N, C-alpha and C. Protein backbone atom coordinates (compact mmCIF):
# COMPACT_ATOMS: atom_id res chain seq x y z
N MET A 1 -7.08 29.87 35.61
CA MET A 1 -7.63 29.14 34.51
C MET A 1 -6.50 28.45 33.76
N LEU A 2 -6.68 27.18 33.48
CA LEU A 2 -5.66 26.40 32.79
C LEU A 2 -6.10 26.15 31.35
N LEU A 3 -5.26 26.55 30.42
CA LEU A 3 -5.54 26.34 29.01
C LEU A 3 -4.59 25.28 28.47
N PHE A 4 -5.12 24.43 27.65
CA PHE A 4 -4.28 23.42 27.01
C PHE A 4 -4.84 23.11 25.65
N SER A 5 -3.99 22.59 24.81
CA SER A 5 -4.44 22.19 23.48
C SER A 5 -4.24 20.70 23.31
N ILE A 6 -5.14 20.13 22.60
CA ILE A 6 -5.05 18.71 22.28
C ILE A 6 -4.75 18.59 20.80
N GLN A 7 -3.67 17.92 20.52
CA GLN A 7 -3.30 17.71 19.12
C GLN A 7 -3.52 16.25 18.77
N ALA A 8 -4.15 16.05 17.67
CA ALA A 8 -4.38 14.68 17.20
C ALA A 8 -3.19 14.25 16.35
N TYR A 9 -2.58 13.19 16.77
CA TYR A 9 -1.46 12.65 16.00
C TYR A 9 -1.92 11.37 15.33
N SER A 10 -1.60 11.27 14.10
CA SER A 10 -1.93 10.07 13.35
C SER A 10 -0.91 9.00 13.71
N GLN A 11 -1.39 7.91 14.26
CA GLN A 11 -0.49 6.83 14.64
C GLN A 11 -0.10 6.04 13.40
N THR A 12 1.16 5.68 13.34
CA THR A 12 1.63 4.87 12.22
C THR A 12 1.75 3.42 12.66
N ARG A 13 1.66 2.55 11.68
CA ARG A 13 1.80 1.12 11.93
C ARG A 13 2.34 0.48 10.66
N ILE A 14 2.74 -0.76 10.76
CA ILE A 14 3.25 -1.50 9.61
C ILE A 14 2.10 -2.26 8.97
N LEU A 15 1.92 -2.04 7.69
CA LEU A 15 0.92 -2.74 6.89
C LEU A 15 1.66 -3.72 6.00
N THR A 16 1.11 -4.90 5.82
CA THR A 16 1.75 -5.92 4.99
C THR A 16 0.76 -6.46 3.98
N GLY A 17 1.27 -7.22 3.04
CA GLY A 17 0.40 -7.86 2.06
C GLY A 17 1.21 -8.53 0.97
N THR A 18 0.49 -9.08 0.01
CA THR A 18 1.08 -9.77 -1.12
C THR A 18 0.40 -9.28 -2.39
N VAL A 19 1.18 -9.14 -3.46
CA VAL A 19 0.66 -8.72 -4.76
C VAL A 19 0.83 -9.88 -5.74
N VAL A 20 -0.29 -10.26 -6.38
CA VAL A 20 -0.27 -11.35 -7.36
C VAL A 20 -0.89 -10.86 -8.67
N GLY A 21 -0.63 -11.59 -9.73
CA GLY A 21 -1.21 -11.29 -11.03
C GLY A 21 -2.57 -11.96 -11.18
N GLU A 22 -3.48 -11.27 -11.83
CA GLU A 22 -4.84 -11.80 -12.01
C GLU A 22 -4.86 -13.03 -12.91
N ALA A 23 -4.05 -13.03 -13.95
CA ALA A 23 -4.09 -14.10 -14.95
C ALA A 23 -3.64 -15.45 -14.39
N ASP A 24 -2.60 -15.44 -13.55
CA ASP A 24 -2.04 -16.71 -13.09
C ASP A 24 -1.98 -16.85 -11.57
N ASP A 25 -2.38 -15.82 -10.83
CA ASP A 25 -2.38 -15.83 -9.36
C ASP A 25 -0.98 -16.06 -8.78
N LEU A 26 0.06 -15.73 -9.56
CA LEU A 26 1.44 -15.86 -9.09
C LEU A 26 1.92 -14.53 -8.53
N PRO A 27 2.81 -14.56 -7.52
CA PRO A 27 3.34 -13.33 -6.95
C PRO A 27 4.10 -12.51 -7.98
N ILE A 28 4.05 -11.18 -7.84
CA ILE A 28 4.76 -10.29 -8.74
C ILE A 28 5.85 -9.56 -7.96
N PRO A 29 7.12 -9.90 -8.21
CA PRO A 29 8.21 -9.18 -7.55
C PRO A 29 8.45 -7.83 -8.20
N GLY A 30 8.87 -6.85 -7.42
CA GLY A 30 9.24 -5.55 -7.97
C GLY A 30 8.11 -4.58 -8.16
N VAL A 31 6.91 -4.88 -7.63
CA VAL A 31 5.79 -3.94 -7.71
C VAL A 31 6.09 -2.74 -6.82
N THR A 32 5.87 -1.53 -7.33
CA THR A 32 6.04 -0.32 -6.54
C THR A 32 4.81 -0.10 -5.68
N VAL A 33 5.03 0.09 -4.38
CA VAL A 33 3.96 0.40 -3.44
C VAL A 33 4.25 1.79 -2.90
N LEU A 34 3.44 2.78 -3.30
CA LEU A 34 3.68 4.18 -2.93
C LEU A 34 2.56 4.67 -2.02
N ASP A 35 2.94 5.26 -0.88
CA ASP A 35 1.98 5.92 0.00
C ASP A 35 1.89 7.37 -0.46
N LYS A 36 0.83 7.71 -1.19
CA LYS A 36 0.66 9.06 -1.74
C LYS A 36 0.56 10.10 -0.63
N THR A 37 0.01 9.73 0.50
CA THR A 37 -0.21 10.67 1.59
C THR A 37 1.09 11.06 2.27
N ASN A 38 1.93 10.08 2.57
CA ASN A 38 3.16 10.33 3.31
C ASN A 38 4.40 10.39 2.43
N GLN A 39 4.21 10.18 1.10
CA GLN A 39 5.32 10.21 0.15
C GLN A 39 6.45 9.24 0.52
N THR A 40 6.05 8.02 0.90
CA THR A 40 7.01 6.96 1.16
C THR A 40 6.67 5.79 0.26
N GLY A 41 7.58 4.86 0.13
CA GLY A 41 7.29 3.73 -0.73
C GLY A 41 8.20 2.55 -0.48
N THR A 42 7.88 1.47 -1.14
CA THR A 42 8.66 0.25 -1.07
C THR A 42 8.37 -0.56 -2.33
N THR A 43 8.97 -1.72 -2.45
CA THR A 43 8.68 -2.64 -3.56
C THR A 43 8.45 -4.03 -3.00
N THR A 44 7.75 -4.85 -3.77
CA THR A 44 7.51 -6.22 -3.34
C THR A 44 8.79 -7.05 -3.52
N ASP A 45 8.94 -8.06 -2.66
CA ASP A 45 10.11 -8.94 -2.75
C ASP A 45 9.85 -10.05 -3.77
N VAL A 46 10.72 -11.05 -3.84
CA VAL A 46 10.61 -12.11 -4.84
C VAL A 46 9.34 -12.94 -4.66
N ASP A 47 8.74 -12.90 -3.48
CA ASP A 47 7.51 -13.63 -3.21
C ASP A 47 6.27 -12.75 -3.33
N GLY A 48 6.44 -11.51 -3.85
CA GLY A 48 5.33 -10.59 -4.00
C GLY A 48 4.88 -9.94 -2.71
N LYS A 49 5.66 -10.10 -1.64
CA LYS A 49 5.29 -9.57 -0.32
C LYS A 49 5.90 -8.18 -0.11
N TYR A 50 5.19 -7.36 0.68
CA TYR A 50 5.68 -6.02 1.01
C TYR A 50 5.29 -5.67 2.44
N SER A 51 5.96 -4.70 2.99
CA SER A 51 5.56 -4.09 4.25
C SER A 51 5.92 -2.61 4.17
N ILE A 52 5.04 -1.78 4.73
CA ILE A 52 5.22 -0.34 4.64
C ILE A 52 4.59 0.31 5.87
N SER A 53 5.21 1.36 6.36
CA SER A 53 4.68 2.12 7.48
C SER A 53 3.59 3.06 6.96
N VAL A 54 2.40 2.98 7.55
CA VAL A 54 1.25 3.76 7.09
C VAL A 54 0.51 4.38 8.27
N SER A 55 -0.40 5.30 7.95
CA SER A 55 -1.35 5.83 8.92
C SER A 55 -2.75 5.55 8.39
N ASP A 56 -3.77 5.80 9.20
CA ASP A 56 -5.15 5.51 8.79
C ASP A 56 -5.55 6.23 7.51
N ASN A 57 -5.01 7.44 7.30
CA ASN A 57 -5.42 8.21 6.12
C ASN A 57 -4.52 7.97 4.90
N SER A 58 -3.60 7.02 4.99
CA SER A 58 -2.71 6.72 3.87
C SER A 58 -3.49 6.18 2.67
N VAL A 59 -3.04 6.57 1.48
CA VAL A 59 -3.58 6.03 0.22
C VAL A 59 -2.41 5.36 -0.50
N LEU A 60 -2.52 4.06 -0.72
CA LEU A 60 -1.45 3.31 -1.37
C LEU A 60 -1.74 3.12 -2.84
N VAL A 61 -0.71 3.28 -3.66
CA VAL A 61 -0.81 3.04 -5.10
C VAL A 61 0.13 1.89 -5.43
N PHE A 62 -0.42 0.87 -6.08
CA PHE A 62 0.35 -0.30 -6.50
C PHE A 62 0.51 -0.22 -8.01
N SER A 63 1.77 -0.25 -8.49
CA SER A 63 2.00 -0.13 -9.93
C SER A 63 3.16 -1.01 -10.38
N PHE A 64 3.02 -1.49 -11.61
CA PHE A 64 4.05 -2.33 -12.22
C PHE A 64 3.86 -2.27 -13.72
N ILE A 65 4.94 -2.25 -14.47
CA ILE A 65 4.87 -2.15 -15.93
C ILE A 65 4.06 -3.32 -16.49
N GLY A 66 3.10 -2.98 -17.36
CA GLY A 66 2.27 -3.99 -17.99
C GLY A 66 1.00 -4.30 -17.23
N TYR A 67 0.82 -3.69 -16.05
CA TYR A 67 -0.36 -3.93 -15.22
C TYR A 67 -1.06 -2.61 -14.92
N ALA A 68 -2.38 -2.66 -14.75
CA ALA A 68 -3.14 -1.48 -14.39
C ALA A 68 -2.89 -1.15 -12.92
N SER A 69 -2.59 0.10 -12.61
CA SER A 69 -2.35 0.53 -11.23
C SER A 69 -3.65 0.46 -10.43
N GLN A 70 -3.49 0.27 -9.12
CA GLN A 70 -4.63 0.25 -8.21
C GLN A 70 -4.33 1.11 -7.00
N GLU A 71 -5.37 1.76 -6.46
CA GLU A 71 -5.25 2.59 -5.26
C GLU A 71 -6.15 2.03 -4.17
N PHE A 72 -5.65 2.09 -2.93
CA PHE A 72 -6.42 1.65 -1.78
C PHE A 72 -6.23 2.65 -0.64
N THR A 73 -7.32 3.01 0.03
CA THR A 73 -7.24 3.80 1.26
C THR A 73 -7.08 2.81 2.40
N VAL A 74 -6.08 3.04 3.25
CA VAL A 74 -5.71 2.08 4.28
C VAL A 74 -6.78 1.95 5.37
N GLY A 75 -7.26 3.06 5.92
CA GLY A 75 -8.22 2.97 7.03
C GLY A 75 -7.59 2.22 8.20
N ASN A 76 -8.32 1.28 8.78
CA ASN A 76 -7.80 0.54 9.94
C ASN A 76 -7.25 -0.83 9.56
N GLN A 77 -7.07 -1.08 8.26
CA GLN A 77 -6.56 -2.38 7.81
C GLN A 77 -5.09 -2.56 8.17
N SER A 78 -4.70 -3.80 8.43
CA SER A 78 -3.29 -4.09 8.70
C SER A 78 -2.70 -4.99 7.62
N ILE A 79 -3.57 -5.55 6.78
CA ILE A 79 -3.14 -6.39 5.65
C ILE A 79 -3.94 -5.99 4.43
N ILE A 80 -3.26 -5.71 3.33
CA ILE A 80 -3.94 -5.48 2.05
C ILE A 80 -3.25 -6.35 1.01
N ASN A 81 -3.98 -7.37 0.55
CA ASN A 81 -3.51 -8.21 -0.55
C ASN A 81 -4.10 -7.68 -1.84
N VAL A 82 -3.28 -7.64 -2.89
CA VAL A 82 -3.67 -6.99 -4.13
C VAL A 82 -3.52 -7.95 -5.30
N THR A 83 -4.50 -7.92 -6.20
CA THR A 83 -4.43 -8.66 -7.45
C THR A 83 -4.40 -7.65 -8.58
N LEU A 84 -3.30 -7.61 -9.32
CA LEU A 84 -3.16 -6.67 -10.43
C LEU A 84 -3.59 -7.33 -11.74
N ALA A 85 -4.37 -6.58 -12.52
CA ALA A 85 -4.80 -7.06 -13.84
C ALA A 85 -3.86 -6.50 -14.89
N GLU A 86 -3.65 -7.25 -15.95
CA GLU A 86 -2.83 -6.77 -17.04
C GLU A 86 -3.47 -5.54 -17.65
N ASP A 87 -2.65 -4.58 -18.04
CA ASP A 87 -3.12 -3.34 -18.65
C ASP A 87 -3.29 -3.59 -20.15
N ILE A 88 -4.54 -3.60 -20.60
CA ILE A 88 -4.80 -3.93 -22.00
C ILE A 88 -5.01 -2.69 -22.87
N SER A 89 -4.73 -1.51 -22.31
CA SER A 89 -4.94 -0.27 -23.09
C SER A 89 -3.78 0.02 -24.01
């Protein structure tokens, strides 16, 4: 009798996108992009663009001073573009 185990590995891939401001639709450089699931992160470049290694179960948090943070579950997406609204609280 042959016994074996099957392990499910979460495949990683590169996810990209752009972060812009809601008020003017201009790119926001320096936005923190944090993968809460894998505890990795990056920041947007001068054009508001980012790329980060993610898995299907990754949850990304986008944050920047003066703007309300947003969270997105990655799923099977390969591009997530984000529009941040000013934090009025």
